[in-house]
């Protein structure tokens, strides 16, 4: 029998601007979306670590995040 001892995901998320909004409004919406994503992780009590958060030239945002997978322990992944 096998059991998962620890698990972690490394995700790269690209929060893109909505084309139907003006540039300033779309950039603001992207910043809010990133903020809400982080709050969602907190509310779900998900262990996570932001590895990198880069604002692109078009004001979209790329976030690389390590996060806990299905409530399994993360052990050394978060170090």
PDB file of N, CA and C in Angstrom:
ATOM      1  N   UNK A   1       0.845  -1.174   0.000  1.00  0.00           N
ATOM      2  CA  UNK A   1       0.000   0.000   0.000  1.00  0.00           C
ATOM      3  C   UNK A   1       0.894   1.242   0.000  1.00  0.00           C
ATOM      4  N   UNK A   2       0.504   2.226  -0.732  1.00  0.00           N
ATOM      5  CA  UNK A   2       1.260   3.479  -0.743  1.00  0.00           C
ATOM      6  C   UNK A   2       0.418   4.594  -0.150  1.00  0.00           C
ATOM      7  N   UNK A   3       1.089   5.535   0.476  1.00  0.00           N
ATOM      8  CA  UNK A   3       0.438   6.703   1.058  1.00  0.00           C
ATOM      9  C   UNK A   3       1.257   7.947   0.702  1.00  0.00           C
ATOM     10  N   UNK A   4       0.571   9.020   0.494  1.00  0.00           N
ATOM     11  CA  UNK A   4       1.256  10.293   0.239  1.00  0.00           C
ATOM     12  C   UNK A   4       1.762  10.818   1.575  1.00  0.00           C
ATOM     13  N   UNK A   5       3.056  11.047   1.660  1.00  0.00           N
ATOM     14  CA  UNK A   5       3.641  11.570   2.892  1.00  0.00           C
ATOM     15  C   UNK A   5       3.672  13.094   2.895  1.00  0.00           C
ATOM     16  N   UNK A   6       3.901  13.687   1.732  1.00  0.00           N
ATOM     17  CA  UNK A   6       3.863  15.134   1.612  1.00  0.00           C
ATOM     18  C   UNK A   6       3.617  15.487   0.152  1.00  0.00           C
ATOM     19  N   UNK A   7       3.003  16.641  -0.058  1.00  0.00           N
ATOM     20  CA  UNK A   7       2.687  17.065  -1.422  1.00  0.00           C
ATOM     21  C   UNK A   7       2.582  18.587  -1.477  1.00  0.00           C
ATOM     22  N   UNK A   8       3.031  19.128  -2.586  1.00  0.00           N
ATOM     23  CA  UNK A   8       3.009  20.566  -2.781  1.00  0.00           C
ATOM     24  C   UNK A   8       2.892  20.850  -4.277  1.00  0.00           C
ATOM     25  N   UNK A   9       2.191  21.907  -4.635  1.00  0.00           N
ATOM     26  CA  UNK A   9       2.070  22.326  -6.027  1.00  0.00           C
ATOM     27  C   UNK A   9       2.883  23.595  -6.248  1.00  0.00           C
ATOM     28  N   UNK A  10       3.491  23.685  -7.394  1.00  0.00           N
ATOM     29  CA  UNK A  10       4.117  24.929  -7.820  1.00  0.00           C
ATOM     30  C   UNK A  10       3.324  25.386  -9.041  1.00  0.00           C
ATOM     31  N   UNK A  11       2.604  26.477  -8.887  1.00  0.00           N
ATOM     32  CA  UNK A  11       1.760  26.985  -9.966  1.00  0.00           C
ATOM     33  C   UNK A  11       2.272  28.324 -10.457  1.00  0.00           C
ATOM     34  N   UNK A  12       2.118  28.538 -11.748  1.00  0.00           N
ATOM     35  CA  UNK A  12       2.358  29.842 -12.343  1.00  0.00           C
ATOM     36  C   UNK A  12       1.020  30.339 -12.861  1.00  0.00           C
ATOM     37  N   UNK A  13       0.556  31.422 -12.298  1.00  0.00           N
ATOM     38  CA  UNK A  13      -0.749  31.986 -12.652  1.00  0.00           C
ATOM     39  C   UNK A  13      -0.537  33.318 -13.365  1.00  0.00           C
ATOM     40  N   UNK A  14      -1.224  33.510 -14.480  1.00  0.00           N
ATOM     41  CA  UNK A  14      -1.150  34.772 -15.217  1.00  0.00           C
ATOM     42  C   UNK A  14      -2.509  35.447 -15.118  1.00  0.00           C
ATOM     43  N   UNK A  15      -2.571  36.515 -14.361  1.00  0.00           N
ATOM     44  CA  UNK A  15      -3.791  37.297 -14.211  1.00  0.00           C
ATOM     45  C   UNK A  15      -3.795  38.334 -15.328  1.00  0.00           C
ATOM     46  N   UNK A  16      -4.629  38.106 -16.323  1.00  0.00           N
ATOM     47  CA  UNK A  16      -4.625  38.933 -17.519  1.00  0.00           C
ATOM     48  C   UNK A  16      -5.686  40.020 -17.456  1.00  0.00           C
ATOM     49  N   UNK A  17      -5.424  41.104 -18.188  1.00  0.00           N
ATOM     50  CA  UNK A  17      -6.363  42.222 -18.244  1.00  0.00           C
ATOM     51  C   UNK A  17      -7.586  41.838 -19.065  1.00  0.00           C
ATOM     52  N   UNK A  18      -8.730  42.344 -18.639  1.00  0.00           N
ATOM     53  CA  UNK A  18      -9.960  42.133 -19.401  1.00  0.00           C
ATOM     54  C   UNK A  18      -9.995  43.152 -20.528  1.00  0.00           C
ATOM     55  N   UNK A  19     -10.277  42.669 -21.718  1.00  0.00           N
ATOM     56  CA  UNK A  19     -10.218  43.534 -22.904  1.00  0.00           C
ATOM     57  C   UNK A  19     -11.394  44.498 -23.013  1.00  0.00           C
ATOM     58  N   UNK A  20     -12.499  44.199 -22.325  1.00  0.00           N
ATOM     59  CA  UNK A  20     -13.681  45.053 -22.453  1.00  0.00           C
ATOM     60  C   UNK A  20     -13.653  46.264 -21.511  1.00  0.00           C
ATOM     61  N   UNK A  21     -12.584  46.414 -20.728  1.00  0.00           N
ATOM     62  CA  UNK A  21     -12.431  47.563 -19.839  1.00  0.00           C
ATOM     63  C   UNK A  21     -11.332  48.475 -20.359  1.00  0.00           C
ATOM     64  N   UNK A  22     -11.344  49.722 -19.935  1.00  0.00           N
ATOM     65  CA  UNK A  22     -10.238  50.612 -20.245  1.00  0.00           C
ATOM     66  C   UNK A  22      -8.988  50.111 -19.540  1.00  0.00           C
ATOM     67  N   UNK A  23      -7.828  50.579 -19.967  1.00  0.00           N
ATOM     68  CA  UNK A  23      -6.575  50.048 -19.427  1.00  0.00           C
ATOM     69  C   UNK A  23      -6.454  50.260 -17.915  1.00  0.00           C
ATOM     70  N   UNK A  24      -6.745  51.454 -17.440  1.00  0.00           N
ATOM     71  CA  UNK A  24      -6.612  51.745 -16.011  1.00  0.00           C
ATOM     72  C   UNK A  24      -7.568  50.881 -15.189  1.00  0.00           C
ATOM     73  N   UNK A  25      -8.794  50.751 -15.652  1.00  0.00           N
ATOM     74  CA  UNK A  25      -9.774  49.934 -14.929  1.00  0.00           C
ATOM     75  C   UNK A  25      -9.395  48.457 -14.966  1.00  0.00           C
ATOM     76  N   UNK A  26      -8.885  48.006 -16.097  1.00  0.00           N
ATOM     77  CA  UNK A  26      -8.475  46.603 -16.228  1.00  0.00           C
ATOM     78  C   UNK A  26      -7.279  46.309 -15.324  1.00  0.00           C
ATOM     79  N   UNK A  27      -6.319  47.229 -15.250  1.00  0.00           N
ATOM     80  CA  UNK A  27      -5.150  47.042 -14.384  1.00  0.00           C
ATOM     81  C   UNK A  27      -5.576  46.997 -12.921  1.00  0.00           C
ATOM     82  N   UNK A  28      -6.511  47.862 -12.550  1.00  0.00           N
ATOM     83  CA  UNK A  28      -7.033  47.861 -11.181  1.00  0.00           C
ATOM     84  C   UNK A  28      -7.757  46.547 -10.891  1.00  0.00           C
ATOM     85  N   UNK A  29      -8.533  46.060 -11.840  1.00  0.00           N
ATOM     86  CA  UNK A  29      -9.265  44.800 -11.667  1.00  0.00           C
ATOM     87  C   UNK A  29      -8.306  43.626 -11.481  1.00  0.00           C
ATOM     88  N   UNK A  30      -7.189  43.633 -12.198  1.00  0.00           N
ATOM     89  CA  UNK A  30      -6.193  42.559 -12.061  1.00  0.00           C
ATOM     90  C   UNK A  30      -5.574  42.598 -10.669  1.00  0.00           C
ATOM     91  N   UNK A  31      -5.234  43.791 -10.187  1.00  0.00           N
ATOM     92  CA  UNK A  31      -4.662  43.892  -8.837  1.00  0.00           C
ATOM     93  C   UNK A  31      -5.648  43.377  -7.788  1.00  0.00           C
ATOM     94  N   UNK A  32      -6.920  43.696  -7.962  1.00  0.00           N
ATOM     95  CA  UNK A  32      -7.955  43.214  -7.044  1.00  0.00           C
ATOM     96  C   UNK A  32      -8.109  41.698  -7.132  1.00  0.00           C
ATOM     97  N   UNK A  33      -8.014  41.158  -8.341  1.00  0.00           N
ATOM     98  CA  UNK A  33      -8.132  39.715  -8.528  1.00  0.00           C
ATOM     99  C   UNK A  33      -6.988  38.972  -7.820  1.00  0.00           C
ATOM    100  N   UNK A  34      -5.780  39.502  -7.903  1.00  0.00           N
ATOM    101  CA  UNK A  34      -4.637  38.901  -7.213  1.00  0.00           C
ATOM    102  C   UNK A  34      -4.852  38.975  -5.703  1.00  0.00           C
ATOM    103  N   UNK A  35      -5.299  40.124  -5.229  1.00  0.00           N
ATOM    104  CA  UNK A  35      -5.566  40.302  -3.802  1.00  0.00           C
ATOM    105  C   UNK A  35      -6.625  39.304  -3.330  1.00  0.00           C
ATOM    106  N   UNK A  36      -7.691  39.147  -4.092  1.00  0.00           N
ATOM    107  CA  UNK A  36      -8.758  38.214  -3.720  1.00  0.00           C
ATOM    108  C   UNK A  36      -8.282  36.768  -3.758  1.00  0.00           C
ATOM    109  N   UNK A  37      -7.398  36.438  -4.695  1.00  0.00           N
ATOM    110  CA  UNK A  37      -6.836  35.082  -4.764  1.00  0.00           C
ATOM    111  C   UNK A  37      -6.068  34.769  -3.484  1.00  0.00           C
ATOM    112  N   UNK A  38      -5.257  35.717  -3.034  1.00  0.00           N
ATOM    113  CA  UNK A  38      -4.488  35.519  -1.808  1.00  0.00           C
ATOM    114  C   UNK A  38      -5.417  35.389  -0.591  1.00  0.00           C
ATOM    115  N   UNK A  39      -6.454  36.221  -0.546  1.00  0.00           N
ATOM    116  CA  UNK A  39      -7.425  36.130   0.551  1.00  0.00           C
ATOM    117  C   UNK A  39      -8.148  34.787   0.542  1.00  0.00           C
ATOM    118  N   UNK A  40      -8.453  34.283  -0.644  1.00  0.00           N
ATOM    119  CA  UNK A  40      -9.109  32.983  -0.772  1.00  0.00           C
ATOM    120  C   UNK A  40      -8.221  31.878  -0.203  1.00  0.00           C
ATOM    121  N   UNK A  41      -6.920  31.939  -0.483  1.00  0.00           N
ATOM    122  CA  UNK A  41      -5.993  30.961   0.080  1.00  0.00           C
ATOM    123  C   UNK A  41      -5.977  31.045   1.605  1.00  0.00           C
ATOM    124  N   UNK A  42      -5.988  32.258   2.130  1.00  0.00           N
ATOM    125  CA  UNK A  42      -6.002  32.448   3.582  1.00  0.00           C
ATOM    126  C   UNK A  42      -7.283  31.896   4.203  1.00  0.00           C
ATOM    127  N   UNK A  43      -8.422  32.214   3.595  1.00  0.00           N
ATOM    128  CA  UNK A  43      -9.705  31.744   4.133  1.00  0.00           C
ATOM    129  C   UNK A  43      -9.806  30.230   4.130  1.00  0.00           C
ATOM    130  N   UNK A  44      -9.190  29.597   3.134  1.00  0.00           N
ATOM    131  CA  UNK A  44      -9.223  28.137   3.030  1.00  0.00           C
ATOM    132  C   UNK A  44      -8.144  27.485   3.901  1.00  0.00           C
ATOM    133  N   UNK A  45      -7.363  28.312   4.605  1.00  0.00           N
ATOM    134  CA  UNK A  45      -6.272  27.825   5.460  1.00  0.00           C
ATOM    135  C   UNK A  45      -5.286  26.962   4.677  1.00  0.00           C
ATOM    136  N   UNK A  46      -5.037  27.359   3.444  1.00  0.00           N
ATOM    137  CA  UNK A  46      -4.071  26.672   2.597  1.00  0.00           C
ATOM    138  C   UNK A  46      -2.690  27.233   2.878  1.00  0.00           C
ATOM    139  N   UNK A  47      -1.740  26.345   3.177  1.00  0.00           N
ATOM    140  CA  UNK A  47      -0.364  26.809   3.326  1.00  0.00           C
ATOM    141  C   UNK A  47       0.140  27.182   1.941  1.00  0.00           C
ATOM    142  N   UNK A  48       0.730  28.359   1.822  1.00  0.00           N
ATOM    143  CA  UNK A  48       1.251  28.790   0.528  1.00  0.00           C
ATOM    144  C   UNK A  48       2.427  29.723   0.728  1.00  0.00           C
ATOM    145  N   UNK A  49       3.169  29.878  -0.350  1.00  0.00           N
ATOM    146  CA  UNK A  49       4.311  30.799  -0.350  1.00  0.00           C
ATOM    147  C   UNK A  49       4.401  31.411  -1.743  1.00  0.00           C
ATOM    148  N   UNK A  50       4.358  32.726  -1.818  1.00  0.00           N
ATOM    149  CA  UNK A  50       4.523  33.416  -3.093  1.00  0.00           C
ATOM    150  C   UNK A  50       6.012  33.376  -3.436  1.00  0.00           C
ATOM    151  N   UNK A  51       6.347  32.702  -4.523  1.00  0.00           N
ATOM    152  CA  UNK A  51       7.736  32.588  -4.965  1.00  0.00           C
ATOM    153  C   UNK A  51       8.136  33.836  -5.728  1.00  0.00           C
ATOM    154  N   UNK A  52       7.215  34.327  -6.564  1.00  0.00           N
ATOM    155  CA  UNK A  52       7.518  35.445  -7.448  1.00  0.00           C
ATOM    156  C   UNK A  52       6.208  36.110  -7.846  1.00  0.00           C
ATOM    157  N   UNK A  53       6.194  37.417  -7.896  1.00  0.00           N
ATOM    158  CA  UNK A  53       5.025  38.165  -8.375  1.00  0.00           C
ATOM    159  C   UNK A  53       5.554  39.294  -9.247  1.00  0.00           C
ATOM    160  N   UNK A  54       5.290  39.198 -10.557  1.00  0.00           N
ATOM    161  CA  UNK A  54       5.880  40.135 -11.510  1.00  0.00           C
ATOM    162  C   UNK A  54       4.768  40.844 -12.290  1.00  0.00           C
ATOM    163  N   UNK A  55       4.830  42.169 -12.266  1.00  0.00           N
ATOM    164  CA  UNK A  55       3.915  42.971 -13.083  1.00  0.00           C
ATOM    165  C   UNK A  55       4.519  43.053 -14.480  1.00  0.00           C
ATOM    166  N   UNK A  56       3.745  42.654 -15.465  1.00  0.00           N
ATOM    167  CA  UNK A  56       4.188  42.638 -16.854  1.00  0.00           C
ATOM    168  C   UNK A  56       4.075  44.045 -17.459  1.00  0.00           C
ATOM    169  N   UNK A  57       4.709  44.284 -18.601  1.00  0.00           N
ATOM    170  CA  UNK A  57       4.635  45.612 -19.240  1.00  0.00           C
ATOM    171  C   UNK A  57       3.198  46.071 -19.546  1.00  0.00           C
ATOM    172  N   UNK A  58       2.288  45.113 -19.774  1.00  0.00           N
ATOM    173  CA  UNK A  58       0.893  45.488 -20.049  1.00  0.00           C
ATOM    174  C   UNK A  58       0.060  45.601 -18.769  1.00  0.00           C
ATOM    175  N   UNK A  59       0.709  45.547 -17.590  1.00  0.00           N
ATOM    176  CA  UNK A  59       0.095  45.629 -16.266  1.00  0.00           C
ATOM    177  C   UNK A  59      -0.652  44.359 -15.848  1.00  0.00           C
ATOM    178  N   UNK A  60      -0.547  43.282 -16.615  1.00  0.00           N
ATOM    179  CA  UNK A  60      -1.042  42.004 -16.116  1.00  0.00           C
ATOM    180  C   UNK A  60      -0.026  41.524 -15.080  1.00  0.00           C
ATOM    181  N   UNK A  61      -0.384  40.498 -14.312  1.00  0.00           N
ATOM    182  CA  UNK A  61       0.489  40.043 -13.228  1.00  0.00           C
ATOM    183  C   UNK A  61       0.691  38.538 -13.332  1.00  0.00           C
ATOM    184  N   UNK A  62       1.947  38.104 -13.226  1.00  0.00           N
ATOM    185  CA  UNK A  62       2.292  36.684 -13.199  1.00  0.00           C
ATOM    186  C   UNK A  62       2.741  36.361 -11.780  1.00  0.00           C
ATOM    187  N   UNK A  63       2.069  35.361 -11.186  1.00  0.00           N
ATOM    188  CA  UNK A  63       2.360  34.959  -9.821  1.00  0.00           C
ATOM    189  C   UNK A  63       2.788  33.497  -9.830  1.00  0.00           C
ATOM    190  N   UNK A  64       3.932  33.222  -9.220  1.00  0.00           N
ATOM    191  CA  UNK A  64       4.366  31.828  -9.002  1.00  0.00           C
ATOM    192  C   UNK A  64       4.158  31.546  -7.530  1.00  0.00           C
ATOM    193  N   UNK A  65       3.417  30.492  -7.247  1.00  0.00           N
ATOM    194  CA  UNK A  65       3.052  30.193  -5.868  1.00  0.00           C
ATOM    195  C   UNK A  65       3.247  28.708  -5.573  1.00  0.00           C
ATOM    196  N   UNK A  66       3.854  28.436  -4.429  1.00  0.00           N
ATOM    197  CA  UNK A  66       3.911  27.075  -3.899  1.00  0.00           C
ATOM    198  C   UNK A  66       2.735  26.961  -2.950  1.00  0.00           C
ATOM    199  N   UNK A  67       1.973  25.879  -3.073  1.00  0.00           N
ATOM    200  CA  UNK A  67       0.874  25.740  -2.138  1.00  0.00           C
ATOM    201  C   UNK A  67       0.613  24.289  -1.784  1.00  0.00           C
ATOM    202  N   UNK A  68       0.030  24.146  -0.630  1.00  0.00           N
ATOM    203  CA  UNK A  68      -0.296  22.841  -0.098  1.00  0.00           C
ATOM    204  C   UNK A  68      -1.293  22.147  -1.006  1.00  0.00           C
ATOM    205  N   UNK A  69      -1.158  20.843  -1.121  1.00  0.00           N
ATOM    206  CA  UNK A  69      -2.029  20.058  -1.988  1.00  0.00           C
ATOM    207  C   UNK A  69      -2.933  19.177  -1.136  1.00  0.00           C
ATOM    208  N   UNK A  70      -4.239  19.375  -1.221  1.00  0.00           N
ATOM    209  CA  UNK A  70      -5.236  18.530  -0.547  1.00  0.00           C
ATOM    210  C   UNK A  70      -4.961  18.286   0.931  1.00  0.00           C
ATOM    211  N   UNK A  71      -4.524  19.295   1.624  1.00  0.00           N
ATOM    212  CA  UNK A  71      -4.270  19.202   3.067  1.00  0.00           C
ATOM    213  C   UNK A  71      -3.192  18.198   3.459  1.00  0.00           C
ATOM    214  N   UNK A  72      -2.394  17.743   2.513  1.00  0.00           N
ATOM    215  CA  UNK A  72      -1.248  16.899   2.845  1.00  0.00           C
ATOM    216  C   UNK A  72      -0.154  17.796   3.419  1.00  0.00           C
ATOM    217  N   UNK A  73       0.687  17.273   4.292  1.00  0.00           N
ATOM    218  CA  UNK A  73       1.789  18.096   4.804  1.00  0.00           C
ATOM    219  C   UNK A  73       2.737  18.505   3.680  1.00  0.00           C
ATOM    220  N   UNK A  74       3.341  19.667   3.817  1.00  0.00           N
ATOM    221  CA  UNK A  74       4.262  20.182   2.785  1.00  0.00           C
ATOM    222  C   UNK A  74       5.714  19.945   3.139  1.00  0.00           C
ATOM    223  N   UNK A  75       5.995  19.657   4.393  1.00  0.00           N
ATOM    224  CA  UNK A  75       7.348  19.390   4.871  1.00  0.00           C
ATOM    225  C   UNK A  75       8.358  20.380   4.294  1.00  0.00           C
ATOM    226  N   UNK A  76       9.388  19.893   3.653  1.00  0.00           N
ATOM    227  CA  UNK A  76      10.503  20.737   3.198  1.00  0.00           C
ATOM    228  C   UNK A  76      10.157  21.589   1.980  1.00  0.00           C
ATOM    229  N   UNK A  77       9.027  21.357   1.333  1.00  0.00           N
ATOM    230  CA  UNK A  77       8.677  22.123   0.137  1.00  0.00           C
ATOM    231  C   UNK A  77       8.561  23.622   0.426  1.00  0.00           C
ATOM    232  N   UNK A  78       8.128  23.969   1.611  1.00  0.00           N
ATOM    233  CA  UNK A  78       7.901  25.370   1.932  1.00  0.00           C
ATOM    234  C   UNK A  78       9.137  26.055   2.497  1.00  0.00           C
ATOM    235  N   UNK A  79      10.234  25.339   2.635  1.00  0.00           N
ATOM    236  CA  UNK A  79      11.468  25.941   3.159  1.00  0.00           C
ATOM    237  C   UNK A  79      12.186  26.742   2.116  1.00  0.00           C
TER     238      UNK A  79
END
